[in-house]
Each structure stands twice: as C-alpha cells, then as structure tokens.
Amino acid sequence: MTIFNRLRRIAGLIWILLGPLAIIYLIKTAAGEIAKKPGVETWIQWAVFIGIFIPIAAGMIIFGYYALSGEYDNGENNS
C-alpha cells in the first residue's frame, strides 16, 4: 500500500466523521438562531439550509466510506 493510498483512507475516515459533526453543528446553530428570533422567516430559512445540507453531508459520509474501503486506491489490482 502506497503512502497516497494510506492518505486516502485517512481522509476517508475524516470525511466519515466530518459529515455527522457538520449536521449536528448545523442543527445546533439553527436551534439557537430560531430561539433568538422565533419567526416564520427564520424557520423557513433554517429549514431550507438544513434540507439542502443534509444530502451534502450524507454524500461526504458515502465518499468517506468509499475512500476508507479502498475504492479510490491506485494499484495493480484496480482497472
């Protein structure tokens, strides 16, 4: 296993951890902002932010899984 393949796997682990942490941070921030200014506009704004970002974070997790499992490795066995 080359150094770059190891780096890809480490980066995959980082992506897997970063996805859920980003979702938690976003929801925590949204709750704080909605508590500060509890209006319909704020609810709609944060619902859109969360609705758009959750699939992006899920993609980060999937990308990290594939990187961790070696799907992006360079080597003799990959074609």
PDB file of N, CA and C in Angstrom:
ATOM      1  N   MET A   1       0.859  -1.180   0.000  1.00  0.00           N
ATOM      2  CA  MET A   1       0.000   0.000   0.000  1.00  0.00           C
ATOM      3  C   MET A   1       0.899   1.235   0.000  1.00  0.00           C
ATOM      4  N   THR A   2       0.653   2.117  -0.954  1.00  0.00           N
ATOM      5  CA  THR A   2       1.472   3.318  -1.051  1.00  0.00           C
ATOM      6  C   THR A   2       1.025   4.352  -0.025  1.00  0.00           C
ATOM      7  N   ILE A   3       1.860   5.349   0.130  1.00  0.00           N
ATOM      8  CA  ILE A   3       1.570   6.412   1.093  1.00  0.00           C
ATOM      9  C   ILE A   3       0.309   7.178   0.691  1.00  0.00           C
ATOM     10  N   PHE A   4       0.106   7.345  -0.627  1.00  0.00           N
ATOM     11  CA  PHE A   4      -1.082   8.072  -1.073  1.00  0.00           C
ATOM     12  C   PHE A   4      -2.361   7.283  -0.805  1.00  0.00           C
ATOM     13  N   ASN A   5      -2.288   5.976  -0.924  1.00  0.00           N
ATOM     14  CA  ASN A   5      -3.463   5.162  -0.610  1.00  0.00           C
ATOM     15  C   ASN A   5      -3.777   5.235   0.878  1.00  0.00           C
ATOM     16  N   ARG A   6      -2.750   5.254   1.698  1.00  0.00           N
ATOM     17  CA  ARG A   6      -2.977   5.410   3.154  1.00  0.00           C
ATOM     18  C   ARG A   6      -3.579   6.774   3.459  1.00  0.00           C
ATOM     19  N   LEU A   7      -3.068   7.805   2.777  1.00  0.00           N
ATOM     20  CA  LEU A   7      -3.621   9.143   2.986  1.00  0.00           C
ATOM     21  C   LEU A   7      -5.088   9.208   2.557  1.00  0.00           C
ATOM     22  N   ARG A   8      -5.424   8.518   1.460  1.00  0.00           N
ATOM     23  CA  ARG A   8      -6.822   8.486   1.022  1.00  0.00           C
ATOM     24  C   ARG A   8      -7.704   7.817   2.067  1.00  0.00           C
ATOM     25  N   ARG A   9      -7.210   6.761   2.658  1.00  0.00           N
ATOM     26  CA  ARG A   9      -8.010   6.063   3.683  1.00  0.00           C
ATOM     27  C   ARG A   9      -8.154   6.912   4.942  1.00  0.00           C
ATOM     28  N   ILE A  10      -7.106   7.600   5.323  1.00  0.00           N
ATOM     29  CA  ILE A  10      -7.200   8.502   6.481  1.00  0.00           C
ATOM     30  C   ILE A  10      -8.172   9.639   6.180  1.00  0.00           C
ATOM     31  N   ALA A  11      -8.087  10.189   4.961  1.00  0.00           N
ATOM     32  CA  ALA A  11      -9.024  11.244   4.567  1.00  0.00           C
ATOM     33  C   ALA A  11     -10.455  10.713   4.564  1.00  0.00           C
ATOM     34  N   GLY A  12     -10.634   9.448   4.168  1.00  0.00           N
ATOM     35  CA  GLY A  12     -11.963   8.843   4.200  1.00  0.00           C
ATOM     36  C   GLY A  12     -12.529   8.807   5.600  1.00  0.00           C
ATOM     37  N   LEU A  13     -11.697   8.449   6.556  1.00  0.00           N
ATOM     38  CA  LEU A  13     -12.136   8.437   7.949  1.00  0.00           C
ATOM     39  C   LEU A  13     -12.508   9.842   8.409  1.00  0.00           C
ATOM     40  N   ILE A  14     -11.740  10.818   7.993  1.00  0.00           N
ATOM     41  CA  ILE A  14     -12.035  12.212   8.351  1.00  0.00           C
ATOM     42  C   ILE A  14     -13.379  12.638   7.759  1.00  0.00           C
ATOM     43  N   TRP A  15     -13.646  12.280   6.491  1.00  0.00           N
ATOM     44  CA  TRP A  15     -14.922  12.627   5.860  1.00  0.00           C
ATOM     45  C   TRP A  15     -16.084  11.956   6.578  1.00  0.00           C
ATOM     46  N   ILE A  16     -15.897  10.695   6.969  1.00  0.00           N
ATOM     47  CA  ILE A  16     -16.965   9.975   7.673  1.00  0.00           C
ATOM     48  C   ILE A  16     -17.293  10.669   8.995  1.00  0.00           C
ATOM     49  N   LEU A  17     -16.288  11.130   9.689  1.00  0.00           N
ATOM     50  CA  LEU A  17     -16.520  11.813  10.967  1.00  0.00           C
ATOM     51  C   LEU A  17     -17.042  13.235  10.771  1.00  0.00           C
ATOM     52  N   LEU A  18     -16.603  13.887   9.705  1.00  0.00           N
ATOM     53  CA  LEU A  18     -16.980  15.274   9.478  1.00  0.00           C
ATOM     54  C   LEU A  18     -18.445  15.437   9.087  1.00  0.00           C
ATOM     55  N   GLY A  19     -19.009  14.476   8.363  1.00  0.00           N
ATOM     56  CA  GLY A  19     -20.411  14.571   7.937  1.00  0.00           C
ATOM     57  C   GLY A  19     -21.388  14.702   9.097  1.00  0.00           C
ATOM     58  N   PRO A  20     -21.412  13.737  10.032  1.00  0.00           N
ATOM     59  CA  PRO A  20     -22.342  13.857  11.163  1.00  0.00           C
ATOM     60  C   PRO A  20     -22.047  15.052  12.065  1.00  0.00           C
ATOM     61  N   LEU A  21     -20.769  15.374  12.244  1.00  0.00           N
ATOM     62  CA  LEU A  21     -20.430  16.534  13.074  1.00  0.00           C
ATOM     63  C   LEU A  21     -20.963  17.825  12.457  1.00  0.00           C
ATOM     64  N   ALA A  22     -20.886  17.927  11.150  1.00  0.00           N
ATOM     65  CA  ALA A  22     -21.405  19.118  10.475  1.00  0.00           C
ATOM     66  C   ALA A  22     -22.926  19.206  10.617  1.00  0.00           C
ATOM     67  N   ILE A  23     -23.603  18.080  10.515  1.00  0.00           N
ATOM     68  CA  ILE A  23     -25.063  18.085  10.675  1.00  0.00           C
ATOM     69  C   ILE A  23     -25.437  18.494  12.099  1.00  0.00           C
ATOM     70  N   ILE A  24     -24.750  17.940  13.081  1.00  0.00           N
ATOM     71  CA  ILE A  24     -25.022  18.287  14.480  1.00  0.00           C
ATOM     72  C   ILE A  24     -24.789  19.771  14.724  1.00  0.00           C
ATOM     73  N   TYR A  25     -23.677  20.298  14.201  1.00  0.00           N
ATOM     74  CA  TYR A  25     -23.372  21.710  14.370  1.00  0.00           C
ATOM     75  C   TYR A  25     -24.429  22.587  13.698  1.00  0.00           C
ATOM     76  N   LEU A  26     -24.854  22.194  12.507  1.00  0.00           N
ATOM     77  CA  LEU A  26     -25.850  22.971  11.781  1.00  0.00           C
ATOM     78  C   LEU A  26     -27.179  22.997  12.530  1.00  0.00           C
ATOM     79  N   ILE A  27     -27.607  21.861  13.033  1.00  0.00           N
ATOM     80  CA  ILE A  27     -28.878  21.799  13.755  1.00  0.00           C
ATOM     81  C   ILE A  27     -28.783  22.580  15.072  1.00  0.00           C
ATOM     82  N   LYS A  28     -27.644  22.485  15.747  1.00  0.00           N
ATOM     83  CA  LYS A  28     -27.453  23.239  16.989  1.00  0.00           C
ATOM     84  C   LYS A  28     -27.484  24.748  16.708  1.00  0.00           C
ATOM     85  N   THR A  29     -26.836  25.162  15.647  1.00  0.00           N
ATOM     86  CA  THR A  29     -26.838  26.578  15.280  1.00  0.00           C
ATOM     87  C   THR A  29     -28.239  27.027  14.891  1.00  0.00           C
ATOM     88  N   ALA A  30     -28.941  26.193  14.133  1.00  0.00           N
ATOM     89  CA  ALA A  30     -30.311  26.541  13.737  1.00  0.00           C
ATOM     90  C   ALA A  30     -31.211  26.690  14.957  1.00  0.00           C
ATOM     91  N   ALA A  31     -31.088  25.777  15.911  1.00  0.00           N
ATOM     92  CA  ALA A  31     -31.912  25.867  17.123  1.00  0.00           C
ATOM     93  C   ALA A  31     -31.627  27.153  17.882  1.00  0.00           C
ATOM     94  N   GLY A  32     -30.359  27.528  17.954  1.00  0.00           N
ATOM     95  CA  GLY A  32     -30.003  28.768  18.637  1.00  0.00           C
ATOM     96  C   GLY A  32     -30.541  30.004  17.934  1.00  0.00           C
ATOM     97  N   GLU A  33     -30.451  30.021  16.613  1.00  0.00           N
ATOM     98  CA  GLU A  33     -30.951  31.166  15.852  1.00  0.00           C
ATOM     99  C   GLU A  33     -32.470  31.252  15.899  1.00  0.00           C
ATOM    100  N   ILE A  34     -33.127  30.116  15.846  1.00  0.00           N
ATOM    101  CA  ILE A  34     -34.593  30.118  15.918  1.00  0.00           C
ATOM    102  C   ILE A  34     -35.049  30.552  17.307  1.00  0.00           C
ATOM    103  N   ALA A  35     -34.303  30.176  18.347  1.00  0.00           N
ATOM    104  CA  ALA A  35     -34.649  30.601  19.703  1.00  0.00           C
ATOM    105  C   ALA A  35     -34.462  32.104  19.875  1.00  0.00           C
ATOM    106  N   LYS A  36     -33.445  32.674  19.203  1.00  0.00           N
ATOM    107  CA  LYS A  36     -33.213  34.114  19.296  1.00  0.00           C
ATOM    108  C   LYS A  36     -34.294  34.916  18.590  1.00  0.00           C
ATOM    109  N   LYS A  37     -34.700  34.426  17.420  1.00  0.00           N
ATOM    110  CA  LYS A  37     -35.683  35.160  16.615  1.00  0.00           C
ATOM    111  C   LYS A  37     -36.723  34.172  16.096  1.00  0.00           C
ATOM    112  N   PRO A  38     -37.710  33.814  16.934  1.00  0.00           N
ATOM    113  CA  PRO A  38     -38.671  32.764  16.554  1.00  0.00           C
ATOM    114  C   PRO A  38     -39.779  33.278  15.630  1.00  0.00           C
ATOM    115  N   GLY A  39     -39.411  33.474  14.384  1.00  0.00           N
ATOM    116  CA  GLY A  39     -40.417  33.901  13.407  1.00  0.00           C
ATOM    117  C   GLY A  39     -40.509  32.893  12.273  1.00  0.00           C
ATOM    118  N   VAL A  40     -41.521  33.042  11.471  1.00  0.00           N
ATOM    119  CA  VAL A  40     -41.720  32.122  10.348  1.00  0.00           C
ATOM    120  C   VAL A  40     -40.551  32.225   9.366  1.00  0.00           C
ATOM    121  N   GLU A  41     -40.057  33.452   9.153  1.00  0.00           N
ATOM    122  CA  GLU A  41     -38.950  33.637   8.223  1.00  0.00           C
ATOM    123  C   GLU A  41     -37.710  32.856   8.666  1.00  0.00           C
ATOM    124  N   THR A  42     -37.454  32.879   9.954  1.00  0.00           N
ATOM    125  CA  THR A  42     -36.291  32.161  10.485  1.00  0.00           C
ATOM    126  C   THR A  42     -36.470  30.662  10.342  1.00  0.00           C
ATOM    127  N   TRP A  43     -37.676  30.177  10.631  1.00  0.00           N
ATOM    128  CA  TRP A  43     -37.955  28.740  10.477  1.00  0.00           C
ATOM    129  C   TRP A  43     -37.739  28.299   9.035  1.00  0.00           C
ATOM    130  N   ILE A  44     -38.271  29.070   8.099  1.00  0.00           N
ATOM    131  CA  ILE A  44     -38.155  28.711   6.684  1.00  0.00           C
ATOM    132  C   ILE A  44     -36.694  28.743   6.240  1.00  0.00           C
ATOM    133  N   GLN A  45     -35.978  29.784   6.644  1.00  0.00           N
ATOM    134  CA  GLN A  45     -34.579  29.918   6.265  1.00  0.00           C
ATOM    135  C   GLN A  45     -33.761  28.716   6.741  1.00  0.00           C
ATOM    136  N   TRP A  46     -33.904  28.350   7.998  1.00  0.00           N
ATOM    137  CA  TRP A  46     -33.111  27.249   8.534  1.00  0.00           C
ATOM    138  C   TRP A  46     -33.594  25.894   8.028  1.00  0.00           C
ATOM    139  N   ALA A  47     -34.879  25.769   7.739  1.00  0.00           N
ATOM    140  CA  ALA A  47     -35.370  24.517   7.155  1.00  0.00           C
ATOM    141  C   ALA A  47     -34.759  24.300   5.775  1.00  0.00           C
ATOM    142  N   VAL A  48     -34.634  25.388   5.010  1.00  0.00           N
ATOM    143  CA  VAL A  48     -34.006  25.282   3.690  1.00  0.00           C
ATOM    144  C   VAL A  48     -32.526  24.945   3.837  1.00  0.00           C
ATOM    145  N   PHE A  49     -31.823  25.625   4.740  1.00  0.00           N
ATOM    146  CA  PHE A  49     -30.396  25.344   4.963  1.00  0.00           C
ATOM    147  C   PHE A  49     -30.186  23.878   5.328  1.00  0.00           C
ATOM    148  N   ILE A  50     -30.964  23.410   6.276  1.00  0.00           N
ATOM    149  CA  ILE A  50     -30.803  22.024   6.743  1.00  0.00           C
ATOM    150  C   ILE A  50     -31.213  21.043   5.646  1.00  0.00           C
ATOM    151  N   GLY A  51     -32.301  21.338   4.946  1.00  0.00           N
ATOM    152  CA  GLY A  51     -32.759  20.459   3.883  1.00  0.00           C
ATOM    153  C   GLY A  51     -31.769  20.322   2.740  1.00  0.00           C
ATOM    154  N   ILE A  52     -31.033  21.385   2.463  1.00  0.00           N
ATOM    155  CA  ILE A  52     -30.023  21.330   1.404  1.00  0.00           C
ATOM    156  C   ILE A  52     -28.742  20.682   1.909  1.00  0.00           C
ATOM    157  N   PHE A  53     -28.378  20.936   3.149  1.00  0.00           N
ATOM    158  CA  PHE A  53     -27.075  20.483   3.626  1.00  0.00           C
ATOM    159  C   PHE A  53     -27.054  19.015   4.040  1.00  0.00           C
ATOM    160  N   ILE A  54     -28.158  18.456   4.490  1.00  0.00           N
ATOM    161  CA  ILE A  54     -28.159  17.048   4.926  1.00  0.00           C
ATOM    162  C   ILE A  54     -27.764  16.100   3.787  1.00  0.00           C
ATOM    163  N   PRO A  55     -28.281  16.257   2.564  1.00  0.00           N
ATOM    164  CA  PRO A  55     -27.787  15.372   1.491  1.00  0.00           C
ATOM    165  C   PRO A  55     -26.310  15.579   1.168  1.00  0.00           C
ATOM    166  N   ILE A  56     -25.833  16.815   1.303  1.00  0.00           N
ATOM    167  CA  ILE A  56     -24.408  17.069   1.070  1.00  0.00           C
ATOM    168  C   ILE A  56     -23.579  16.342   2.122  1.00  0.00           C
ATOM    169  N   ALA A  57     -23.996  16.425   3.376  1.00  0.00           N
ATOM    170  CA  ALA A  57     -23.282  15.731   4.452  1.00  0.00           C
ATOM    171  C   ALA A  57     -23.365  14.216   4.283  1.00  0.00           C
ATOM    172  N   ALA A  58     -24.502  13.718   3.815  1.00  0.00           N
ATOM    173  CA  ALA A  58     -24.622  12.280   3.550  1.00  0.00           C
ATOM    174  C   ALA A  58     -23.662  11.868   2.441  1.00  0.00           C
ATOM    175  N   GLY A  59     -23.512  12.712   1.441  1.00  0.00           N
ATOM    176  CA  GLY A  59     -22.539  12.451   0.381  1.00  0.00           C
ATOM    177  C   GLY A  59     -21.116  12.439   0.905  1.00  0.00           C
ATOM    178  N   MET A  60     -20.819  13.308   1.862  1.00  0.00           N
ATOM    179  CA  MET A  60     -19.491  13.296   2.483  1.00  0.00           C
ATOM    180  C   MET A  60     -19.239  11.962   3.182  1.00  0.00           C
ATOM    181  N   ILE A  61     -20.253  11.454   3.868  1.00  0.00           N
ATOM    182  CA  ILE A  61     -20.125  10.180   4.574  1.00  0.00           C
ATOM    183  C   ILE A  61     -19.924   9.039   3.577  1.00  0.00           C
ATOM    184  N   ILE A  62     -20.700   9.028   2.509  1.00  0.00           N
ATOM    185  CA  ILE A  62     -20.561   7.973   1.498  1.00  0.00           C
ATOM    186  C   ILE A  62     -19.194   8.055   0.821  1.00  0.00           C
ATOM    187  N   PHE A  63     -18.765   9.257   0.474  1.00  0.00           N
ATOM    188  CA  PHE A  63     -17.455   9.453  -0.139  1.00  0.00           C
ATOM    189  C   PHE A  63     -16.359   8.945   0.802  1.00  0.00           C
ATOM    190  N   GLY A  64     -16.483   9.264   2.079  1.00  0.00           N
ATOM    191  CA  GLY A  64     -15.511   8.800   3.062  1.00  0.00           C
ATOM    192  C   GLY A  64     -15.501   7.292   3.191  1.00  0.00           C
ATOM    193  N   TYR A  65     -16.672   6.682   3.129  1.00  0.00           N
ATOM    194  CA  TYR A  65     -16.756   5.219   3.204  1.00  0.00           C
ATOM    195  C   TYR A  65     -16.012   4.576   2.041  1.00  0.00           C
ATOM    196  N   TYR A  66     -16.247   5.089   0.837  1.00  0.00           N
ATOM    197  CA  TYR A  66     -15.565   4.518  -0.322  1.00  0.00           C
ATOM    198  C   TYR A  66     -14.058   4.753  -0.259  1.00  0.00           C
ATOM    199  N   ALA A  67     -13.640   5.911   0.227  1.00  0.00           N
ATOM    200  CA  ALA A  67     -12.211   6.172   0.365  1.00  0.00           C
ATOM    201  C   ALA A  67     -11.598   5.252   1.413  1.00  0.00           C
ATOM    202  N   LEU A  68     -12.305   5.046   2.510  1.00  0.00           N
ATOM    203  CA  LEU A  68     -11.804   4.181   3.576  1.00  0.00           C
ATOM    204  C   LEU A  68     -11.748   2.718   3.131  1.00  0.00           C
ATOM    205  N   SER A  69     -12.698   2.306   2.306  1.00  0.00           N
ATOM    206  CA  SER A  69     -12.719   0.906   1.861  1.00  0.00           C
ATOM    207  C   SER A  69     -11.745   0.639   0.719  1.00  0.00           C
ATOM    208  N   GLY A  70     -11.083   1.670   0.194  1.00  0.00           N
ATOM    209  CA  GLY A  70     -10.061   1.460  -0.823  1.00  0.00           C
ATOM    210  C   GLY A  70     -10.543   1.579  -2.250  1.00  0.00           C
ATOM    211  N   GLU A  71     -11.739   2.094  -2.477  1.00  0.00           N
ATOM    212  CA  GLU A  71     -12.266   2.206  -3.826  1.00  0.00           C
ATOM    213  C   GLU A  71     -11.459   3.179  -4.694  1.00  0.00           C
ATOM    214  N   TYR A  72     -10.787   4.136  -4.079  1.00  0.00           N
ATOM    215  CA  TYR A  72     -10.033   5.142  -4.824  1.00  0.00           C
ATOM    216  C   TYR A  72      -8.543   4.855  -4.840  1.00  0.00           C
ATOM    217  N   ASP A  73      -8.127   3.673  -4.370  1.00  0.00           N
ATOM    218  CA  ASP A  73      -6.715   3.334  -4.329  1.00  0.00           C
ATOM    219  C   ASP A  73      -6.150   3.171  -5.739  1.00  0.00           C
ATOM    220  N   ASN A  74      -4.895   3.559  -5.888  1.00  0.00           N
ATOM    221  CA  ASN A  74      -4.154   3.283  -7.116  1.00  0.00           C
ATOM    222  C   ASN A  74      -3.320   2.059  -6.885  1.00  0.00           C
ATOM    223  N   GLY A  75      -3.348   1.128  -7.805  1.00  0.00           N
ATOM    224  CA  GLY A  75      -2.570  -0.091  -7.629  1.00  0.00           C
ATOM    225  C   GLY A  75      -2.720  -1.005  -8.808  1.00  0.00           C
ATOM    226  N   GLU A  76      -2.069  -2.172  -8.722  1.00  0.00           N
ATOM    227  CA  GLU A  76      -2.103  -3.105  -9.829  1.00  0.00           C
ATOM    228  C   GLU A  76      -3.465  -3.785  -9.983  1.00  0.00           C
ATOM    229  N   ASN A  77      -4.218  -3.932  -8.896  1.00  0.00           N
ATOM    230  CA  ASN A  77      -5.471  -4.670  -8.947  1.00  0.00           C
ATOM    231  C   ASN A  77      -6.639  -3.830  -9.451  1.00  0.00           C
ATOM    232  N   ASN A  78      -6.485  -2.524  -9.481  1.00  0.00           N
ATOM    233  CA  ASN A  78      -7.587  -1.667  -9.917  1.00  0.00           C
ATOM    234  C   ASN A  78      -7.534  -1.469 -11.417  1.00  0.00           C
ATOM    235  N   SER A  79      -8.701  -1.449 -12.071  1.00  0.00           N
ATOM    236  CA  SER A  79      -8.702  -1.185 -13.507  1.00  0.00           C
ATOM    237  C   SER A  79      -9.615  -0.034 -13.828  1.00  0.00           C
TER     238      SER A  79
END
